[in-house]
Amino acid sequence: MPITKGAKKAHIQSEKKRVFNIRRKSVMSDVVKEVNKAVLAKDATKAKELLPKAYKAIDKAAKRGVIKDNTASRKKSRLSARVKSVK
């Protein structure tokens, strides 16, 4: 546990940030799962409709440092490839 005043403050801040990061990551994974479900159900229109939503969630996670930029690019690339494969 933190001992000094500054360490206590840093610990509190990191716990608050952790909550936001977990929320952002779970939102991202939920949207990606929705897109994957639409792809598995061969519902191309729903998958294409959800793709911008997934891009937004992935980009926000990357912008805030929850995931790295290359990870975000890879996720977006693979998602778009999956959506394109459903025709």
PDB file of N, CA and C in Angstrom:
ATOM      1  N   MET A   1       0.838  -1.188   0.000  1.00  0.00           N
ATOM      2  CA  MET A   1       0.000   0.000   0.000  1.00  0.00           C
ATOM      3  C   MET A   1       0.877   1.243   0.000  1.00  0.00           C
ATOM      4  N   PRO A   2       0.329   2.326  -0.571  1.00  0.00           N
ATOM      5  CA  PRO A   2       1.110   3.568  -0.601  1.00  0.00           C
ATOM      6  C   PRO A   2       1.315   4.148   0.799  1.00  0.00           C
ATOM      7  N   ILE A   3       2.469   4.744   0.980  1.00  0.00           N
ATOM      8  CA  ILE A   3       2.805   5.291   2.293  1.00  0.00           C
ATOM      9  C   ILE A   3       2.766   6.815   2.281  1.00  0.00           C
ATOM     10  N   THR A   4       3.436   7.422   1.311  1.00  0.00           N
ATOM     11  CA  THR A   4       3.476   8.883   1.271  1.00  0.00           C
ATOM     12  C   THR A   4       2.174   9.452   0.714  1.00  0.00           C
ATOM     13  N   LYS A   5       1.985  10.744   0.959  1.00  0.00           N
ATOM     14  CA  LYS A   5       0.771  11.420   0.515  1.00  0.00           C
ATOM     15  C   LYS A   5       0.644  11.385  -1.010  1.00  0.00           C
ATOM     16  N   GLY A   6       1.777  11.618  -1.695  1.00  0.00           N
ATOM     17  CA  GLY A   6       1.768  11.612  -3.162  1.00  0.00           C
ATOM     18  C   GLY A   6       1.452  10.234  -3.726  1.00  0.00           C
ATOM     19  N   ALA A   7       1.982   9.209  -3.063  1.00  0.00           N
ATOM     20  CA  ALA A   7       1.721   7.843  -3.520  1.00  0.00           C
ATOM     21  C   ALA A   7       0.258   7.473  -3.314  1.00  0.00           C
ATOM     22  N   LYS A   8      -0.333   7.955  -2.223  1.00  0.00           N
ATOM     23  CA  LYS A   8      -1.756   7.690  -1.969  1.00  0.00           C
ATOM     24  C   LYS A   8      -2.620   8.336  -3.041  1.00  0.00           C
ATOM     25  N   LYS A   9      -2.270   9.574  -3.377  1.00  0.00           N
ATOM     26  CA  LYS A   9      -3.018  10.300  -4.399  1.00  0.00           C
ATOM     27  C   LYS A   9      -2.894   9.589  -5.749  1.00  0.00           C
ATOM     28  N   ALA A  10      -1.690   9.174  -6.084  1.00  0.00           N
ATOM     29  CA  ALA A  10      -1.466   8.473  -7.353  1.00  0.00           C
ATOM     30  C   ALA A  10      -2.251   7.164  -7.398  1.00  0.00           C
ATOM     31  N   HIS A  11      -2.317   6.493  -6.274  1.00  0.00           N
ATOM     32  CA  HIS A  11      -3.059   5.225  -6.200  1.00  0.00           C
ATOM     33  C   HIS A  11      -4.557   5.446  -6.434  1.00  0.00           C
ATOM     34  N   ILE A  12      -5.104   6.485  -5.831  1.00  0.00           N
ATOM     35  CA  ILE A  12      -6.519   6.813  -6.016  1.00  0.00           C
ATOM     36  C   ILE A  12      -6.796   7.158  -7.474  1.00  0.00           C
ATOM     37  N   GLN A  13      -5.899   7.956  -8.068  1.00  0.00           N
ATOM     38  CA  GLN A  13      -6.078   8.343  -9.466  1.00  0.00           C
ATOM     39  C   GLN A  13      -6.027   7.130 -10.388  1.00  0.00           C
ATOM     40  N   SER A  14      -5.102   6.222 -10.117  1.00  0.00           N
ATOM     41  CA  SER A  14      -4.976   5.050 -10.986  1.00  0.00           C
ATOM     42  C   SER A  14      -6.196   4.141 -10.864  1.00  0.00           C
ATOM     43  N   GLU A  15      -6.793   4.068  -9.683  1.00  0.00           N
ATOM     44  CA  GLU A  15      -8.011   3.270  -9.522  1.00  0.00           C
ATOM     45  C   GLU A  15      -9.171   3.870 -10.302  1.00  0.00           C
ATOM     46  N   LYS A  16      -9.279   5.203 -10.307  1.00  0.00           N
ATOM     47  CA  LYS A  16     -10.332   5.867 -11.075  1.00  0.00           C
ATOM     48  C   LYS A  16     -10.131   5.635 -12.574  1.00  0.00           C
ATOM     49  N   LYS A  17      -8.894   5.778 -13.027  1.00  0.00           N
ATOM     50  CA  LYS A  17      -8.600   5.570 -14.446  1.00  0.00           C
ATOM     51  C   LYS A  17      -8.852   4.129 -14.858  1.00  0.00           C
ATOM     52  N   ARG A  18      -8.587   3.205 -13.952  1.00  0.00           N
ATOM     53  CA  ARG A  18      -8.783   1.779 -14.220  1.00  0.00           C
ATOM     54  C   ARG A  18     -10.252   1.495 -14.527  1.00  0.00           C
ATOM     55  N   VAL A  19     -11.143   2.124 -13.782  1.00  0.00           N
ATOM     56  CA  VAL A  19     -12.578   1.933 -14.004  1.00  0.00           C
ATOM     57  C   VAL A  19     -12.962   2.399 -15.403  1.00  0.00           C
ATOM     58  N   PHE A  20     -12.477   3.583 -15.799  1.00  0.00           N
ATOM     59  CA  PHE A  20     -12.791   4.114 -17.123  1.00  0.00           C
ATOM     60  C   PHE A  20     -12.211   3.224 -18.218  1.00  0.00           C
ATOM     61  N   ASN A  21     -10.981   2.748 -18.010  1.00  0.00           N
ATOM     62  CA  ASN A  21     -10.339   1.906 -19.014  1.00  0.00           C
ATOM     63  C   ASN A  21     -11.074   0.591 -19.187  1.00  0.00           C
ATOM     64  N   ILE A  22     -11.493  -0.006 -18.080  1.00  0.00           N
ATOM     65  CA  ILE A  22     -12.238  -1.272 -18.155  1.00  0.00           C
ATOM     66  C   ILE A  22     -13.557  -1.048 -18.884  1.00  0.00           C
ATOM     67  N   ARG A  23     -14.243   0.051 -18.578  1.00  0.00           N
ATOM     68  CA  ARG A  23     -15.509   0.357 -19.236  1.00  0.00           C
ATOM     69  C   ARG A  23     -15.307   0.539 -20.735  1.00  0.00           C
ATOM     70  N   ARG A  24     -14.269   1.284 -21.104  1.00  0.00           N
ATOM     71  CA  ARG A  24     -14.017   1.545 -22.523  1.00  0.00           C
ATOM     72  C   ARG A  24     -13.679   0.249 -23.260  1.00  0.00           C
ATOM     73  N   LYS A  25     -12.897  -0.605 -22.613  1.00  0.00           N
ATOM     74  CA  LYS A  25     -12.507  -1.866 -23.236  1.00  0.00           C
ATOM     75  C   LYS A  25     -13.704  -2.803 -23.382  1.00  0.00           C
ATOM     76  N   SER A  26     -14.582  -2.817 -22.386  1.00  0.00           N
ATOM     77  CA  SER A  26     -15.747  -3.698 -22.464  1.00  0.00           C
ATOM     78  C   SER A  26     -16.735  -3.214 -23.530  1.00  0.00           C
ATOM     79  N   VAL A  27     -16.890  -1.907 -23.675  1.00  0.00           N
ATOM     80  CA  VAL A  27     -17.749  -1.360 -24.732  1.00  0.00           C
ATOM     81  C   VAL A  27     -17.208  -1.774 -26.092  1.00  0.00           C
ATOM     82  N   MET A  28     -15.897  -1.667 -26.245  1.00  0.00           N
ATOM     83  CA  MET A  28     -15.260  -2.048 -27.502  1.00  0.00           C
ATOM     84  C   MET A  28     -15.493  -3.526 -27.804  1.00  0.00           C
ATOM     85  N   SER A  29     -15.254  -4.378 -26.821  1.00  0.00           N
ATOM     86  CA  SER A  29     -15.395  -5.811 -27.071  1.00  0.00           C
ATOM     87  C   SER A  29     -16.852  -6.196 -27.316  1.00  0.00           C
ATOM     88  N   ASP A  30     -17.801  -5.511 -26.661  1.00  0.00           N
ATOM     89  CA  ASP A  30     -19.219  -5.791 -26.884  1.00  0.00           C
ATOM     90  C   ASP A  30     -19.625  -5.484 -28.325  1.00  0.00           C
ATOM     91  N   VAL A  31     -19.176  -4.354 -28.844  1.00  0.00           N
ATOM     92  CA  VAL A  31     -19.525  -3.972 -30.216  1.00  0.00           C
ATOM     93  C   VAL A  31     -18.881  -4.933 -31.208  1.00  0.00           C
ATOM     94  N   VAL A  32     -17.638  -5.315 -30.950  1.00  0.00           N
ATOM     95  CA  VAL A  32     -16.953  -6.258 -31.834  1.00  0.00           C
ATOM     96  C   VAL A  32     -17.685  -7.601 -31.834  1.00  0.00           C
ATOM     97  N   LYS A  33     -18.153  -8.031 -30.664  1.00  0.00           N
ATOM     98  CA  LYS A  33     -18.916  -9.285 -30.572  1.00  0.00           C
ATOM     99  C   LYS A  33     -20.216  -9.189 -31.367  1.00  0.00           C
ATOM    100  N   GLU A  34     -20.881  -8.033 -31.305  1.00  0.00           N
ATOM    101  CA  GLU A  34     -22.114  -7.848 -32.069  1.00  0.00           C
ATOM    102  C   GLU A  34     -21.855  -7.983 -33.561  1.00  0.00           C
ATOM    103  N   VAL A  35     -20.763  -7.372 -34.028  1.00  0.00           N
ATOM    104  CA  VAL A  35     -20.413  -7.468 -35.449  1.00  0.00           C
ATOM    105  C   VAL A  35     -20.133  -8.925 -35.812  1.00  0.00           C
ATOM    106  N   ASN A  36     -19.387  -9.620 -34.966  1.00  0.00           N
ATOM    107  CA  ASN A  36     -19.070 -11.024 -35.240  1.00  0.00           C
ATOM    108  C   ASN A  36     -20.322 -11.894 -35.262  1.00  0.00           C
ATOM    109  N   LYS A  37     -21.274 -11.612 -34.376  1.00  0.00           N
ATOM    110  CA  LYS A  37     -22.533 -12.363 -34.374  1.00  0.00           C
ATOM    111  C   LYS A  37     -23.295 -12.138 -35.676  1.00  0.00           C
ATOM    112  N   ALA A  38     -23.309 -10.883 -36.141  1.00  0.00           N
ATOM    113  CA  ALA A  38     -23.991 -10.574 -37.396  1.00  0.00           C
ATOM    114  C   ALA A  38     -23.316 -11.293 -38.562  1.00  0.00           C
ATOM    115  N   VAL A  39     -21.983 -11.371 -38.521  1.00  0.00           N
ATOM    116  CA  VAL A  39     -21.244 -12.060 -39.583  1.00  0.00           C
ATOM    117  C   VAL A  39     -21.559 -13.551 -39.551  1.00  0.00           C
ATOM    118  N   LEU A  40     -21.583 -14.154 -38.364  1.00  0.00           N
ATOM    119  CA  LEU A  40     -21.889 -15.578 -38.243  1.00  0.00           C
ATOM    120  C   LEU A  40     -23.324 -15.885 -38.683  1.00  0.00           C
ATOM    121  N   ALA A  41     -24.225 -14.926 -38.448  1.00  0.00           N
ATOM    122  CA  ALA A  41     -25.617 -15.097 -38.866  1.00  0.00           C
ATOM    123  C   ALA A  41     -25.803 -14.758 -40.343  1.00  0.00           C
ATOM    124  N   LYS A  42     -24.718 -14.375 -41.007  1.00  0.00           N
ATOM    125  CA  LYS A  42     -24.710 -13.990 -42.430  1.00  0.00           C
ATOM    126  C   LYS A  42     -25.659 -12.823 -42.711  1.00  0.00           C
ATOM    127  N   ASP A  43     -25.728 -11.900 -41.761  1.00  0.00           N
ATOM    128  CA  ASP A  43     -26.546 -10.703 -41.892  1.00  0.00           C
ATOM    129  C   ASP A  43     -25.634  -9.539 -42.290  1.00  0.00           C
ATOM    130  N   ALA A  44     -25.435  -9.379 -43.596  1.00  0.00           N
ATOM    131  CA  ALA A  44     -24.478  -8.393 -44.107  1.00  0.00           C
ATOM    132  C   ALA A  44     -24.905  -6.964 -43.798  1.00  0.00           C
ATOM    133  N   THR A  45     -26.197  -6.678 -43.885  1.00  0.00           N
ATOM    134  CA  THR A  45     -26.646  -5.299 -43.670  1.00  0.00           C
ATOM    135  C   THR A  45     -26.423  -4.872 -42.225  1.00  0.00           C
ATOM    136  N   LYS A  46     -26.728  -5.760 -41.288  1.00  0.00           N
ATOM    137  CA  LYS A  46     -26.532  -5.419 -39.872  1.00  0.00           C
ATOM    138  C   LYS A  46     -25.049  -5.276 -39.556  1.00  0.00           C
ATOM    139  N   ALA A  47     -24.223  -6.145 -40.144  1.00  0.00           N
ATOM    140  CA  ALA A  47     -22.783  -6.084 -39.909  1.00  0.00           C
ATOM    141  C   ALA A  47     -22.210  -4.768 -40.430  1.00  0.00           C
ATOM    142  N   LYS A  48     -22.640  -4.368 -41.634  1.00  0.00           N
ATOM    143  CA  LYS A  48     -22.157  -3.106 -42.205  1.00  0.00           C
ATOM    144  C   LYS A  48     -22.654  -1.916 -41.394  1.00  0.00           C
ATOM    145  N   GLU A  49     -23.853  -2.053 -40.837  1.00  0.00           N
ATOM    146  CA  GLU A  49     -24.423  -0.982 -40.024  1.00  0.00           C
ATOM    147  C   GLU A  49     -23.654  -0.818 -38.708  1.00  0.00           C
ATOM    148  N   LEU A  50     -23.189  -1.927 -38.142  1.00  0.00           N
ATOM    149  CA  LEU A  50     -22.483  -1.892 -36.862  1.00  0.00           C
ATOM    150  C   LEU A  50     -20.991  -1.570 -37.004  1.00  0.00           C
ATOM    151  N   LEU A  51     -20.463  -1.683 -38.209  1.00  0.00           N
ATOM    152  CA  LEU A  51     -19.024  -1.475 -38.411  1.00  0.00           C
ATOM    153  C   LEU A  51     -18.542  -0.082 -37.985  1.00  0.00           C
ATOM    154  N   PRO A  52     -19.217   1.013 -38.368  1.00  0.00           N
ATOM    155  CA  PRO A  52     -18.759   2.336 -37.902  1.00  0.00           C
ATOM    156  C   PRO A  52     -18.781   2.472 -36.377  1.00  0.00           C
ATOM    157  N   LYS A  53     -19.766   1.838 -35.743  1.00  0.00           N
ATOM    158  CA  LYS A  53     -19.861   1.862 -34.292  1.00  0.00           C
ATOM    159  C   LYS A  53     -18.644   1.169 -33.675  1.00  0.00           C
ATOM    160  N   ALA A  54     -18.260   0.051 -34.276  1.00  0.00           N
ATOM    161  CA  ALA A  54     -17.100  -0.691 -33.790  1.00  0.00           C
ATOM    162  C   ALA A  54     -15.821   0.119 -34.011  1.00  0.00           C
ATOM    163  N   TYR A  55     -15.706   0.750 -35.184  1.00  0.00           N
ATOM    164  CA  TYR A  55     -14.534   1.591 -35.466  1.00  0.00           C
ATOM    165  C   TYR A  55     -14.410   2.694 -34.431  1.00  0.00           C
ATOM    166  N   LYS A  56     -15.542   3.310 -34.083  1.00  0.00           N
ATOM    167  CA  LYS A  56     -15.533   4.412 -33.116  1.00  0.00           C
ATOM    168  C   LYS A  56     -15.030   3.926 -31.756  1.00  0.00           C
ATOM    169  N   ALA A  57     -15.546   2.783 -31.319  1.00  0.00           N
ATOM    170  CA  ALA A  57     -15.144   2.244 -30.019  1.00  0.00           C
ATOM    171  C   ALA A  57     -13.664   1.870 -30.008  1.00  0.00           C
ATOM    172  N   ILE A  58     -13.193   1.274 -31.099  1.00  0.00           N
ATOM    173  CA  ILE A  58     -11.784   0.876 -31.190  1.00  0.00           C
ATOM    174  C   ILE A  58     -10.887   2.105 -31.201  1.00  0.00           C
ATOM    175  N   ASP A  59     -11.280   3.116 -31.980  1.00  0.00           N
ATOM    176  CA  ASP A  59     -10.480   4.342 -32.055  1.00  0.00           C
ATOM    177  C   ASP A  59     -10.416   5.067 -30.717  1.00  0.00           C
ATOM    178  N   LYS A  60     -11.528   5.088 -29.997  1.00  0.00           N
ATOM    179  CA  LYS A  60     -11.536   5.739 -28.679  1.00  0.00           C
ATOM    180  C   LYS A  60     -10.618   5.006 -27.703  1.00  0.00           C
ATOM    181  N   ALA A  61     -10.657   3.680 -27.751  1.00  0.00           N
ATOM    182  CA  ALA A  61      -9.796   2.892 -26.868  1.00  0.00           C
ATOM    183  C   ALA A  61      -8.330   3.145 -27.193  1.00  0.00           C
ATOM    184  N   ALA A  62      -8.010   3.263 -28.482  1.00  0.00           N
ATOM    185  CA  ALA A  62      -6.622   3.513 -28.885  1.00  0.00           C
ATOM    186  C   ALA A  62      -6.198   4.930 -28.498  1.00  0.00           C
ATOM    187  N   LYS A  63      -7.098   5.886 -28.673  1.00  0.00           N
ATOM    188  CA  LYS A  63      -6.782   7.282 -28.363  1.00  0.00           C
ATOM    189  C   LYS A  63      -6.459   7.455 -26.888  1.00  0.00           C
ATOM    190  N   ARG A  64      -7.185   6.742 -26.028  1.00  0.00           N
ATOM    191  CA  ARG A  64      -6.990   6.862 -24.590  1.00  0.00           C
ATOM    192  C   ARG A  64      -5.905   5.940 -24.052  1.00  0.00           C
ATOM    193  N   GLY A  65      -5.312   5.125 -24.922  1.00  0.00           N
ATOM    194  CA  GLY A  65      -4.212   4.277 -24.485  1.00  0.00           C
ATOM    195  C   GLY A  65      -4.642   2.964 -23.870  1.00  0.00           C
ATOM    196  N   VAL A  66      -5.919   2.602 -24.019  1.00  0.00           N
ATOM    197  CA  VAL A  66      -6.384   1.324 -23.488  1.00  0.00           C
ATOM    198  C   VAL A  66      -5.790   0.187 -24.315  1.00  0.00           C
ATOM    199  N   ILE A  67      -5.762   0.382 -25.644  1.00  0.00           N
ATOM    200  CA  ILE A  67      -5.060  -0.546 -26.529  1.00  0.00           C
ATOM    201  C   ILE A  67      -4.085   0.264 -27.370  1.00  0.00           C
ATOM    202  N   LYS A  68      -3.098  -0.397 -27.927  1.00  0.00           N
ATOM    203  CA  LYS A  68      -2.098   0.309 -28.731  1.00  0.00           C
ATOM    204  C   LYS A  68      -2.629   0.575 -30.132  1.00  0.00           C
ATOM    205  N   ASP A  69      -1.986   1.508 -30.832  1.00  0.00           N
ATOM    206  CA  ASP A  69      -2.437   1.916 -32.159  1.00  0.00           C
ATOM    207  C   ASP A  69      -2.416   0.763 -33.160  1.00  0.00           C
ATOM    208  N   ASN A  70      -1.347  -0.029 -33.133  1.00  0.00           N
ATOM    209  CA  ASN A  70      -1.255  -1.143 -34.075  1.00  0.00           C
ATOM    210  C   ASN A  70      -2.315  -2.197 -33.783  1.00  0.00           C
ATOM    211  N   THR A  71      -2.628  -2.403 -32.512  1.00  0.00           N
ATOM    212  CA  THR A  71      -3.685  -3.347 -32.133  1.00  0.00           C
ATOM    213  C   THR A  71      -5.025  -2.863 -32.671  1.00  0.00           C
ATOM    214  N   ALA A  72      -5.262  -1.565 -32.570  1.00  0.00           N
ATOM    215  CA  ALA A  72      -6.508  -0.987 -33.082  1.00  0.00           C
ATOM    216  C   ALA A  72      -6.589  -1.175 -34.594  1.00  0.00           C
ATOM    217  N   SER A  73      -5.493  -0.910 -35.289  1.00  0.00           N
ATOM    218  CA  SER A  73      -5.472  -1.071 -36.746  1.00  0.00           C
ATOM    219  C   SER A  73      -5.733  -2.518 -37.127  1.00  0.00           C
ATOM    220  N   ARG A  74      -5.122  -3.431 -36.398  1.00  0.00           N
ATOM    221  CA  ARG A  74      -5.300  -4.857 -36.693  1.00  0.00           C
ATOM    222  C   ARG A  74      -6.754  -5.286 -36.468  1.00  0.00           C
ATOM    223  N   LYS A  75      -7.345  -4.827 -35.373  1.00  0.00           N
ATOM    224  CA  LYS A  75      -8.743  -5.174 -35.080  1.00  0.00           C
ATOM    225  C   LYS A  75      -9.675  -4.642 -36.167  1.00  0.00           C
ATOM    226  N   LYS A  76      -9.459  -3.391 -36.571  1.00  0.00           N
ATOM    227  CA  LYS A  76     -10.298  -2.789 -37.591  1.00  0.00           C
ATOM    228  C   LYS A  76     -10.150  -3.510 -38.929  1.00  0.00           C
ATOM    229  N   SER A  77      -8.930  -3.864 -39.257  1.00  0.00           N
ATOM    230  CA  SER A  77      -8.667  -4.554 -40.517  1.00  0.00           C
ATOM    231  C   SER A  77      -9.354  -5.913 -40.553  1.00  0.00           C
ATOM    232  N   ARG A  78      -9.224  -6.662 -39.483  1.00  0.00           N
ATOM    233  CA  ARG A  78      -9.819  -7.999 -39.428  1.00  0.00           C
ATOM    234  C   ARG A  78     -11.339  -7.933 -39.416  1.00  0.00           C
ATOM    235  N   LEU A  79     -11.877  -6.924 -38.725  1.00  0.00           N
ATOM    236  CA  LEU A  79     -13.334  -6.762 -38.708  1.00  0.00           C
ATOM    237  C   LEU A  79     -13.863  -6.458 -40.108  1.00  0.00           C
ATOM    238  N   SER A  80     -13.222  -5.521 -40.789  1.00  0.00           N
ATOM    239  CA  SER A  80     -13.697  -5.155 -42.124  1.00  0.00           C
ATOM    240  C   SER A  80     -13.572  -6.329 -43.096  1.00  0.00           C
ATOM    241  N   ALA A  81     -12.510  -7.134 -42.935  1.00  0.00           N
ATOM    242  CA  ALA A  81     -12.350  -8.323 -43.785  1.00  0.00           C
ATOM    243  C   ALA A  81     -13.483  -9.312 -43.533  1.00  0.00           C
ATOM    244  N   ARG A  82     -13.854  -9.485 -42.261  1.00  0.00           N
ATOM    245  CA  ARG A  82     -14.956 -10.406 -41.930  1.00  0.00           C
ATOM    246  C   ARG A  82     -16.268  -9.920 -42.513  1.00  0.00           C
ATOM    247  N   VAL A  83     -16.499  -8.607 -42.418  1.00  0.00           N
ATOM    248  CA  VAL A  83     -17.752  -8.043 -42.932  1.00  0.00           C
ATOM    249  C   VAL A  83     -17.802  -8.179 -44.452  1.00  0.00           C
ATOM    250  N   LYS A  84     -16.668  -7.968 -45.116  1.00  0.00           N
ATOM    251  CA  LYS A  84     -16.622  -8.101 -46.570  1.00  0.00           C
ATOM    252  C   LYS A  84     -16.860  -9.535 -47.025  1.00  0.00           C
ATOM    253  N   SER A  85     -16.461 -10.491 -46.192  1.00  0.00           N
ATOM    254  CA  SER A  85     -16.610 -11.893 -46.577  1.00  0.00           C
ATOM    255  C   SER A  85     -18.073 -12.347 -46.579  1.00  0.00           C
ATOM    256  N   VAL A  86     -18.942 -11.595 -45.899  1.00  0.00           N
ATOM    257  CA  VAL A  86     -20.360 -11.951 -45.858  1.00  0.00           C
ATOM    258  C   VAL A  86     -21.083 -11.244 -47.005  1.00  0.00           C
ATOM    259  N   LYS A  87     -21.384 -12.003 -48.034  1.00  0.00           N
ATOM    260  CA  LYS A  87     -22.101 -11.397 -49.170  1.00  0.00           C
ATOM    261  C   LYS A  87     -23.242 -12.269 -49.616  1.00  0.00           C
TER     262      LYS A  87
END
